[in-house]
């Protein structure tokens, strides 16, 4: 009989702690939030219990609380006053995200502010770029994405995060940032973003579902793994400082594969559908929310993510040990 007994190292809570291989901490977390026009607004999102649409004044208060909890940063998504064919408010100096960045930085300057760079929330058609005929025009979209990123950096954003999945957008944004003097602004690219069914609650929250067709012509096919590595490599060559995989939970293999090909920081987005499923199951008493959330975040970190963007962030801070 072998003298090796793996259970010896599981015999008590203290023993399990000292041999634990993967630890998630508050330092790993980024909290995504939605900001809208108006004042005094804190509107709960029906499809994402515990998450809210904030007016800028309320978001500043929320940012202060998030900072005080030790969470390093926020990811901002904007809900515009008006939408048009070219998503004008995405790159307007007085756009909702630009105003929110300035307000947060004036009060909570030690909190990282990350801005989503995309057109989908701002376009009347709901696509992530300029639509010509029945197609999204890749190259004419690049200039607008670059303008949005520069406007965010000028407002004070620490990190811009292009999520559109247009080809060459990281290079266009890096060139525009550097040319405008924002050499230190970090690009966190949604490098491997899949055309996923897990985005449904977000699209309700941000009112950004496509009005025709879908995003499969520019977001990745969920069946493809090797393609993700090609996308990541291209973004690195174009100047990305951080690369991201989105969604996270159904793509742990992709996170692991990306981790193995780069020494850049790897981010993973624990998206709205993943969050909503946990919340719904917990509300019905079918799962232990604390235990499941901790397990999910640990799995994402174990797969290789350095940064986890998650709507669970505020709850997770209370639960992580």
Protein backbone atom coordinates (compact mmCIF):
# COMPACT_ATOMS: atom_id res chain seq x y z
CA UNK A 1 0.00 0.00 0.00
CA UNK A 2 1.26 3.48 -0.86
CA UNK A 3 2.20 5.82 2.00
CA UNK A 4 0.91 8.78 -0.02
CA UNK A 5 -2.34 10.10 1.40
CA UNK A 6 -3.51 13.31 -0.32
CA UNK A 7 -6.25 13.71 2.29
CA UNK A 8 -3.63 14.63 4.90
CA UNK A 9 -3.44 18.05 3.27
CA UNK A 10 -7.23 18.51 3.45
CA UNK A 11 -7.67 17.56 7.09
CA UNK A 12 -8.57 21.00 8.49
CA UNK A 13 -9.41 24.51 7.38
CA UNK A 14 -5.99 25.73 8.50
CA UNK A 15 -4.25 22.94 6.59
CA UNK A 16 -6.23 23.70 3.45
CA UNK A 17 -5.31 27.36 3.74
CA UNK A 18 -1.56 26.81 3.87
CA UNK A 19 -1.51 24.56 0.79
CA UNK A 20 -4.04 26.53 -1.27
CA UNK A 21 -2.74 27.10 -4.79
CA UNK A 22 -5.02 29.89 -6.03
CA UNK A 23 -6.12 32.96 -4.13
CA UNK A 24 -8.44 35.70 -5.34
CA UNK A 25 -8.08 39.06 -3.64
CA UNK A 26 -9.80 42.42 -3.90
CA UNK A 27 -6.75 43.61 -5.85
CA UNK A 28 -7.81 41.36 -8.76
CA UNK A 29 -11.26 42.91 -9.18
CA UNK A 30 -12.75 45.64 -11.38
CA UNK A 31 -16.38 46.70 -10.95
CA UNK A 32 -18.39 47.51 -14.13
CA UNK A 33 -20.99 50.28 -13.78
CA UNK A 34 -23.57 52.06 -15.95
CA UNK A 35 -23.85 55.86 -16.03
CA UNK A 36 -26.73 57.87 -17.46
CA UNK A 37 -27.90 61.47 -17.78
CA UNK A 38 -29.92 63.18 -15.06
CA UNK A 39 -29.38 63.68 -11.36
CA UNK A 40 -30.22 61.76 -8.24
CA UNK A 41 -30.78 58.59 -10.27
CA UNK A 42 -29.99 55.15 -8.92
CA UNK A 43 -32.17 52.78 -10.93
CA UNK A 44 -31.87 49.04 -10.32
CA UNK A 45 -31.48 46.95 -13.47
CA UNK A 46 -34.22 44.33 -13.55
CA UNK A 47 -32.12 41.72 -15.36
CA UNK A 48 -29.11 42.30 -13.06
CA UNK A 49 -30.30 42.48 -9.43
CA UNK A 50 -27.97 44.53 -7.28
CA UNK A 51 -26.65 46.54 -10.24
CA UNK A 52 -27.83 50.06 -11.09
CA UNK A 53 -27.90 52.79 -13.68
CA UNK A 54 -26.36 55.81 -11.95
CA UNK A 55 -26.53 59.49 -12.75
CA UNK A 56 -23.12 61.14 -12.53
CA UNK A 57 -23.67 62.55 -9.04
CA UNK A 58 -24.77 59.18 -7.69
CA UNK A 59 -21.91 57.45 -9.49
CA UNK A 60 -19.38 59.66 -7.75
CA UNK A 61 -20.80 58.54 -4.41
CA UNK A 62 -20.68 54.92 -5.59
CA UNK A 63 -17.09 55.35 -6.75
CA UNK A 64 -16.14 56.62 -3.31
CA UNK A 65 -17.68 53.53 -1.70
CA UNK A 66 -15.94 51.24 -4.17
CA UNK A 67 -12.59 52.91 -3.46
CA UNK A 68 -13.15 52.61 0.28
CA UNK A 69 -13.84 48.87 -0.13
CA UNK A 70 -10.38 48.50 -1.68
CA UNK A 71 -11.54 47.70 -5.23
CA UNK A 72 -8.89 49.18 -7.55
CA UNK A 73 -11.14 50.51 -10.30
CA UNK A 74 -14.38 50.91 -12.22
CA UNK A 75 -15.26 50.12 -15.83
CA UNK A 76 -17.69 52.73 -17.19
CA UNK A 77 -20.48 52.12 -19.69
CA UNK A 78 -22.44 55.15 -20.87
CA UNK A 79 -26.14 55.50 -21.68
CA UNK A 80 -26.51 58.50 -23.98
CA UNK A 81 -29.27 61.08 -24.14
CA UNK A 82 -29.68 60.59 -27.89
CA UNK A 83 -28.53 57.97 -30.38
CA UNK A 84 -27.68 58.42 -34.04
CA UNK A 85 -26.24 56.49 -36.95
CA UNK A 86 -22.63 57.31 -36.06
CA UNK A 87 -22.81 57.22 -32.25
CA UNK A 88 -21.87 60.88 -31.79
CA UNK A 89 -22.06 60.96 -28.01
CA UNK A 90 -19.40 58.25 -27.77
CA UNK A 91 -16.74 60.80 -28.70
CA UNK A 92 -18.38 64.08 -27.66
CA UNK A 93 -16.40 66.15 -25.16
CA UNK A 94 -19.57 66.56 -23.09
CA UNK A 95 -20.67 62.94 -23.49
CA UNK A 96 -21.97 61.01 -20.53
CA UNK A 97 -18.80 58.95 -20.02
CA UNK A 98 -16.53 61.97 -20.43
CA UNK A 99 -18.53 63.90 -17.82
CA UNK A 100 -18.52 60.91 -15.49
CA UNK A 101 -14.75 60.48 -15.76
CA UNK A 102 -14.13 64.13 -14.93
CA UNK A 103 -16.52 64.01 -11.97
CA UNK A 104 -15.01 60.84 -10.51
CA UNK A 105 -11.44 62.03 -10.96
CA UNK A 106 -12.24 65.35 -9.27
CA UNK A 107 -13.38 63.53 -6.13
CA UNK A 108 -11.80 60.06 -6.15
CA UNK A 109 -8.52 60.51 -7.98
CA UNK A 110 -6.92 57.38 -6.52
CA UNK A 111 -9.47 55.05 -8.16
CA UNK A 112 -8.63 53.65 -11.59
CA UNK A 113 -11.19 54.72 -14.17
CA UNK A 114 -11.51 52.42 -17.18
CA UNK A 115 -13.77 53.37 -20.07
CA UNK A 116 -15.41 51.06 -22.55
CA UNK A 117 -14.63 52.25 -26.08
CA UNK A 118 -17.36 51.15 -28.47
CA UNK A 119 -20.24 52.66 -30.44
CA UNK A 120 -22.99 50.12 -29.72
CA UNK A 121 -24.56 51.97 -26.78
CA UNK A 122 -24.60 55.20 -28.81
CA UNK A 123 -25.82 54.13 -32.26
CA UNK A 124 -29.46 54.04 -33.30
CA UNK A 125 -28.89 50.67 -35.00
CA UNK A 126 -27.12 49.09 -32.00
CA UNK A 127 -24.05 47.91 -33.88
CA UNK A 128 -20.47 48.55 -32.76
CA UNK A 129 -19.46 50.53 -35.83
CA UNK A 130 -20.61 52.45 -38.88
CA UNK A 131 -23.20 50.51 -40.88
CA UNK A 132 -23.13 50.71 -44.65
CA UNK A 133 -25.86 48.72 -46.31
CA UNK A 134 -26.22 45.59 -44.23
CA UNK A 135 -22.59 45.45 -43.06
CA UNK A 136 -20.51 47.09 -40.35
CA UNK A 137 -17.73 49.02 -42.09
CA UNK A 138 -14.52 48.18 -40.26
CA UNK A 139 -12.17 50.88 -41.52
CA UNK A 140 -14.50 53.89 -41.32
CA UNK A 141 -15.27 52.91 -37.72
CA UNK A 142 -11.62 53.13 -36.63
CA UNK A 143 -11.46 56.93 -36.70
CA UNK A 144 -14.52 57.22 -34.46
CA UNK A 145 -13.19 54.68 -31.97
CA UNK A 146 -9.90 56.56 -31.85
CA UNK A 147 -11.76 59.85 -31.26
CA UNK A 148 -13.71 58.26 -28.42
CA UNK A 149 -10.56 56.91 -26.78
CA UNK A 150 -8.82 60.29 -27.01
CA UNK A 151 -11.84 62.08 -25.54
CA UNK A 152 -11.88 59.62 -22.62
CA UNK A 153 -8.16 60.08 -22.01
CA UNK A 154 -8.52 63.87 -22.17
CA UNK A 155 -11.26 63.64 -19.52
CA UNK A 156 -8.88 61.71 -17.25
CA UNK A 157 -9.43 58.01 -17.95
CA UNK A 158 -6.53 55.84 -16.82
CA UNK A 159 -7.36 52.94 -19.15
CA UNK A 160 -9.36 52.78 -22.37
CA UNK A 161 -10.89 49.44 -23.25
CA UNK A 162 -11.94 48.92 -26.89
CA UNK A 163 -14.66 46.27 -27.05
CA UNK A 164 -15.84 46.63 -30.65
CA UNK A 165 -13.71 43.85 -32.24
CA UNK A 166 -12.90 45.88 -35.37
CA UNK A 167 -9.65 44.85 -37.01
CA UNK A 168 -6.73 47.30 -36.41
CA UNK A 169 -8.55 49.30 -33.75
CA UNK A 170 -5.81 48.92 -31.13
CA UNK A 171 -3.24 50.36 -33.54
CA UNK A 172 -5.58 53.23 -34.47
CA UNK A 173 -6.26 54.04 -30.82
CA UNK A 174 -2.61 53.79 -29.78
CA UNK A 175 -1.56 56.10 -32.60
CA UNK A 176 -4.29 58.61 -31.76
CA UNK A 177 -3.49 58.56 -28.05
CA UNK A 178 0.22 59.05 -28.62
CA UNK A 179 -0.27 61.77 -31.22
CA UNK A 180 -2.55 63.70 -28.83
CA UNK A 181 -0.07 63.47 -25.97
CA UNK A 182 -1.70 60.64 -24.00
CA UNK A 183 1.33 58.37 -24.11
CA UNK A 184 0.68 56.96 -20.64
CA UNK A 185 -2.96 55.98 -21.21
CA UNK A 186 -3.24 52.20 -20.99
CA UNK A 187 -5.13 50.15 -23.57
CA UNK A 188 -6.94 47.11 -22.20
CA UNK A 189 -8.20 45.41 -25.34
CA UNK A 190 -11.16 43.07 -25.53
CA UNK A 191 -8.90 40.85 -27.62
CA UNK A 192 -10.91 37.62 -27.65
CA UNK A 193 -14.54 38.71 -27.42
CA UNK A 194 -17.02 36.07 -28.46
CA UNK A 195 -20.45 36.47 -30.06
CA UNK A 196 -22.06 35.10 -26.92
CA UNK A 197 -25.55 34.51 -25.61
CA UNK A 198 -24.31 35.53 -22.17
CA UNK A 199 -24.59 39.26 -22.96
CA UNK A 200 -28.39 39.42 -22.82
CA UNK A 201 -28.82 41.18 -19.46
CA UNK A 202 -26.17 43.77 -20.36
CA UNK A 203 -27.95 44.61 -23.59
CA UNK A 204 -31.13 45.24 -21.61
CA UNK A 205 -29.20 47.36 -19.10
CA UNK A 206 -27.49 49.47 -21.77
CA UNK A 207 -30.30 49.36 -24.36
CA UNK A 208 -27.83 48.31 -27.04
CA UNK A 209 -29.18 45.21 -28.76
CA UNK A 210 -28.68 45.34 -32.55
CA UNK A 211 -31.78 46.54 -34.37
CA UNK A 212 -31.02 44.22 -37.28
CA UNK A 213 -28.85 41.15 -37.65
CA UNK A 214 -26.32 40.25 -34.98
CA UNK A 215 -22.63 40.78 -34.21
CA UNK A 216 -21.33 37.48 -35.49
CA UNK A 217 -19.49 39.11 -38.40
CA UNK A 218 -17.12 40.90 -36.03
CA UNK A 219 -17.28 39.12 -32.66
CA UNK A 220 -15.73 35.66 -32.48
CA UNK A 221 -17.37 32.31 -33.15
CA UNK A 222 -17.75 30.49 -29.78
CA UNK A 223 -16.48 27.30 -31.43
CA UNK A 224 -13.03 28.75 -32.14
CA UNK A 225 -10.06 28.57 -29.79
CA UNK A 226 -6.98 28.96 -31.99
CA UNK A 227 -8.47 32.09 -33.52
CA UNK A 228 -8.46 33.72 -30.08
CA UNK A 229 -4.70 33.34 -29.86
CA UNK A 230 -4.32 34.98 -33.27
CA UNK A 231 -6.53 37.89 -32.16
CA UNK A 232 -4.54 38.32 -28.96
CA UNK A 233 -1.21 38.24 -30.82
CA UNK A 234 -2.43 40.90 -33.26
CA UNK A 235 -3.55 43.19 -30.43
CA UNK A 236 -0.22 42.79 -28.68
CA UNK A 237 1.60 43.70 -31.90
CA UNK A 238 -0.63 46.76 -32.26
CA UNK A 239 0.22 48.03 -28.77
CA UNK A 240 -2.26 46.60 -26.27
CA UNK A 241 -1.02 46.81 -22.67
CA UNK A 242 -3.59 44.35 -21.26
CA UNK A 243 -5.51 41.67 -23.19
CA UNK A 244 -8.95 40.42 -22.28
CA UNK A 245 -11.08 37.32 -22.80
CA UNK A 246 -14.86 37.80 -22.75
CA UNK A 247 -16.97 36.01 -21.49
CA UNK A 248 -15.01 34.26 -18.77
CA UNK A 249 -16.85 31.28 -17.33
CA UNK A 250 -17.57 29.39 -20.55
CA UNK A 251 -14.12 30.28 -21.91
CA UNK A 252 -11.75 29.20 -19.14
CA UNK A 253 -9.79 27.18 -21.70
CA UNK A 254 -9.22 30.34 -23.72
CA UNK A 255 -8.02 32.24 -20.66
CA UNK A 256 -5.53 29.44 -19.99
CA UNK A 257 -4.33 29.40 -23.60
CA UNK A 258 -3.88 33.18 -23.65
CA UNK A 259 -2.00 33.06 -20.36
CA UNK A 260 0.46 30.60 -21.92
CA UNK A 261 1.34 32.80 -24.92
CA UNK A 262 1.91 36.19 -23.27
CA UNK A 263 3.45 37.74 -20.20
CA UNK A 264 1.15 40.77 -20.47
CA UNK A 265 -1.58 41.07 -17.87
CA UNK A 266 -4.60 38.97 -18.83
CA UNK A 267 -8.10 40.19 -17.94
CA UNK A 268 -11.30 38.15 -18.00
CA UNK A 269 -14.85 39.54 -18.01
CA UNK A 270 -17.34 37.66 -15.83
CA UNK A 271 -20.27 38.96 -17.87
CA UNK A 272 -23.86 39.91 -17.17
CA UNK A 273 -25.44 36.57 -18.11
CA UNK A 274 -23.06 34.70 -15.84
CA UNK A 275 -23.94 37.13 -13.04
CA UNK A 276 -27.70 36.96 -13.69
CA UNK A 277 -27.79 33.16 -13.63
CA UNK A 278 -26.14 33.09 -10.22
CA UNK A 279 -28.49 35.76 -8.89
CA UNK A 280 -31.58 33.96 -10.21
CA UNK A 281 -30.54 30.58 -8.82
CA UNK A 282 -29.67 32.14 -5.48
CA UNK A 283 -33.00 33.99 -5.30
CA UNK A 284 -34.75 30.65 -5.77
CA UNK A 285 -32.72 29.01 -3.03
CA UNK A 286 -31.09 26.57 -5.45
CA UNK A 287 -27.47 27.54 -4.73
CA UNK A 288 -25.34 29.13 -2.02
CA UNK A 289 -24.48 32.45 -3.70
CA UNK A 290 -21.39 33.18 -1.62
CA UNK A 291 -19.93 29.76 -2.21
CA UNK A 292 -20.70 29.73 -5.94
CA UNK A 293 -19.37 33.25 -6.60
CA UNK A 294 -16.16 32.49 -4.73
CA UNK A 295 -15.78 29.27 -6.73
CA UNK A 296 -16.38 31.03 -10.05
CA UNK A 297 -13.87 33.79 -9.33
CA UNK A 298 -11.32 31.24 -8.16
CA UNK A 299 -11.79 29.25 -11.38
CA UNK A 300 -11.21 32.36 -13.49
CA UNK A 301 -8.07 33.21 -11.53
CA UNK A 302 -6.87 29.59 -11.65
CA UNK A 303 -7.29 29.57 -15.42
CA UNK A 304 -4.76 32.40 -15.62
CA UNK A 305 -6.54 35.75 -15.31
CA UNK A 306 -4.72 38.54 -13.47
CA UNK A 307 -7.70 40.91 -13.59
CA UNK A 308 -11.36 39.92 -13.19
CA UNK A 309 -14.10 42.30 -14.27
CA UNK A 310 -17.20 41.24 -12.38
CA UNK A 311 -20.55 42.60 -11.23
CA UNK A 312 -20.03 40.49 -8.10
CA UNK A 313 -17.07 42.65 -7.04
CA UNK A 314 -18.69 44.46 -4.12
CA UNK A 315 -20.15 41.26 -2.66
CA UNK A 316 -16.94 39.36 -3.34
CA UNK A 317 -14.92 41.79 -1.24
CA UNK A 318 -16.94 40.68 1.81
CA UNK A 319 -16.54 36.98 1.02
CA UNK A 320 -12.93 36.60 -0.07
CA UNK A 321 -10.41 35.42 2.50
